[in-house]
Amino acid sequence: MRRAARYRDIANHVKAGNGYTVKTCWIADIMEQNGLKVRRAPNRIDSQHRENPCPIEKREAITEALRHFGVI
């Protein structure tokens, strides 16, 4: 049985394949854009506004990692 991917697993996959580190808020942003439910961070001020959205140039790598782990 395969365990669920953690944010750390996704970030490590992106770093290994693309050579850069991603923020967890970027992963959450991509997950939310793909219709997945994410927990609200306790330090998030406005639930409708994301302070650090995922940069456009990093989206494809994070999306690929989510697909790799079967999240989307």
C-alpha atoms as a PDB file:
ATOM      1  CA  MET A   1       0.000   0.000   0.000  1.00  0.00           C
ATOM      2  CA  ARG A   2       1.320   3.389  -0.986  1.00  0.00           C
ATOM      3  CA  ARG A   3       1.355   6.110   1.650  1.00  0.00           C
ATOM      4  CA  ALA A   4       0.185   9.622   0.941  1.00  0.00           C
ATOM      5  CA  ALA A   5       2.806  12.053  -0.276  1.00  0.00           C
ATOM      6  CA  ARG A   6       3.817  14.747   2.170  1.00  0.00           C
ATOM      7  CA  TYR A   7       4.771  18.287   1.224  1.00  0.00           C
ATOM      8  CA  ARG A   8       8.379  17.351   2.050  1.00  0.00           C
ATOM      9  CA  ASP A   9       8.257  14.456  -0.452  1.00  0.00           C
ATOM     10  CA  ILE A  10       6.903  16.731  -3.163  1.00  0.00           C
ATOM     11  CA  ALA A  11       9.501  19.422  -2.433  1.00  0.00           C
ATOM     12  CA  ASN A  12      12.324  16.849  -2.489  1.00  0.00           C
ATOM     13  CA  HIS A  13      11.080  15.475  -5.815  1.00  0.00           C
ATOM     14  CA  VAL A  14      11.077  18.951  -7.370  1.00  0.00           C
ATOM     15  CA  LYS A  15      14.536  19.715  -5.964  1.00  0.00           C
ATOM     16  CA  ALA A  16      15.979  16.442  -7.287  1.00  0.00           C
ATOM     17  CA  GLY A  17      14.523  16.948 -10.751  1.00  0.00           C
ATOM     18  CA  ASN A  18      14.806  20.702 -11.165  1.00  0.00           C
ATOM     19  CA  GLY A  19      17.475  21.838  -8.714  1.00  0.00           C
ATOM     20  CA  TYR A  20      15.486  24.400  -6.768  1.00  0.00           C
ATOM     21  CA  THR A  21      13.608  24.425  -3.492  1.00  0.00           C
ATOM     22  CA  VAL A  22       9.876  25.105  -3.427  1.00  0.00           C
ATOM     23  CA  LYS A  23       7.861  26.658  -0.636  1.00  0.00           C
ATOM     24  CA  THR A  24       5.038  24.708   0.960  1.00  0.00           C
ATOM     25  CA  CYS A  25       2.671  27.587   0.217  1.00  0.00           C
ATOM     26  CA  TRP A  26       3.425  27.102  -3.494  1.00  0.00           C
ATOM     27  CA  ILE A  27       2.488  23.433  -3.232  1.00  0.00           C
ATOM     28  CA  ALA A  28      -0.739  24.354  -1.435  1.00  0.00           C
ATOM     29  CA  ASP A  29      -1.510  26.944  -4.114  1.00  0.00           C
ATOM     30  CA  ILE A  30      -1.138  24.390  -6.922  1.00  0.00           C
ATOM     31  CA  MET A  31      -3.208  21.833  -5.017  1.00  0.00           C
ATOM     32  CA  GLU A  32      -5.951  24.396  -4.476  1.00  0.00           C
ATOM     33  CA  GLN A  33      -5.897  25.375  -8.171  1.00  0.00           C
ATOM     34  CA  ASN A  34      -6.457  21.708  -9.035  1.00  0.00           C
ATOM     35  CA  GLY A  35      -9.538  21.506  -6.829  1.00  0.00           C
ATOM     36  CA  LEU A  36      -7.962  19.733  -3.869  1.00  0.00           C
ATOM     37  CA  LYS A  37      -8.843  20.718  -0.371  1.00  0.00           C
ATOM     38  CA  VAL A  38      -5.981  22.145   1.665  1.00  0.00           C
ATOM     39  CA  ARG A  39      -5.948  23.057   5.303  1.00  0.00           C
ATOM     40  CA  ARG A  40      -5.889  26.716   6.189  1.00  0.00           C
ATOM     41  CA  ALA A  41      -2.543  27.784   7.637  1.00  0.00           C
ATOM     42  CA  PRO A  42      -2.914  29.262  11.128  1.00  0.00           C
ATOM     43  CA  ASN A  43      -0.942  32.354  10.126  1.00  0.00           C
ATOM     44  CA  ARG A  44      -3.031  33.026   7.000  1.00  0.00           C
ATOM     45  CA  ILE A  45      -4.831  36.320   7.421  1.00  0.00           C
ATOM     46  CA  ASP A  46      -7.324  36.232   4.555  1.00  0.00           C
ATOM     47  CA  SER A  47      -8.692  32.923   3.282  1.00  0.00           C
ATOM     48  CA  GLN A  48      -9.430  34.409  -0.162  1.00  0.00           C
ATOM     49  CA  HIS A  49      -6.001  35.980  -0.701  1.00  0.00           C
ATOM     50  CA  ARG A  50      -2.738  34.045  -0.951  1.00  0.00           C
ATOM     51  CA  GLU A  51       0.236  36.128   0.169  1.00  0.00           C
ATOM     52  CA  ASN A  52       2.800  33.994  -1.735  1.00  0.00           C
ATOM     53  CA  PRO A  53       1.176  32.396  -4.787  1.00  0.00           C
ATOM     54  CA  CYS A  54       3.241  29.954  -6.804  1.00  0.00           C
ATOM     55  CA  PRO A  55       5.372  31.693  -9.455  1.00  0.00           C
ATOM     56  CA  ILE A  56       4.348  30.835 -13.008  1.00  0.00           C
ATOM     57  CA  GLU A  57       7.747  29.366 -13.878  1.00  0.00           C
ATOM     58  CA  LYS A  58       7.569  26.867 -10.963  1.00  0.00           C
ATOM     59  CA  ARG A  59       4.007  25.615 -11.544  1.00  0.00           C
ATOM     60  CA  GLU A  60       4.770  22.913 -14.087  1.00  0.00           C
ATOM     61  CA  ALA A  61       7.443  21.261 -11.924  1.00  0.00           C
ATOM     62  CA  ILE A  62       5.171  21.181  -8.874  1.00  0.00           C
ATOM     63  CA  THR A  63       2.235  19.904 -10.933  1.00  0.00           C
ATOM     64  CA  GLU A  64       4.449  17.138 -12.343  1.00  0.00           C
ATOM     65  CA  ALA A  65       5.539  16.154  -8.818  1.00  0.00           C
ATOM     66  CA  LEU A  66       1.906  16.005  -7.673  1.00  0.00           C
ATOM     67  CA  ARG A  67       1.113  13.763 -10.633  1.00  0.00           C
ATOM     68  CA  HIS A  68       4.150  11.590  -9.866  1.00  0.00           C
ATOM     69  CA  PHE A  69       2.839  10.937  -6.354  1.00  0.00           C
ATOM     70  CA  GLY A  70      -0.737  10.431  -7.557  1.00  0.00           C
ATOM     71  CA  VAL A  71      -2.109  13.457  -5.753  1.00  0.00           C
ATOM     72  CA  ILE A  72      -3.725  14.849  -8.903  1.00  0.00           C
END
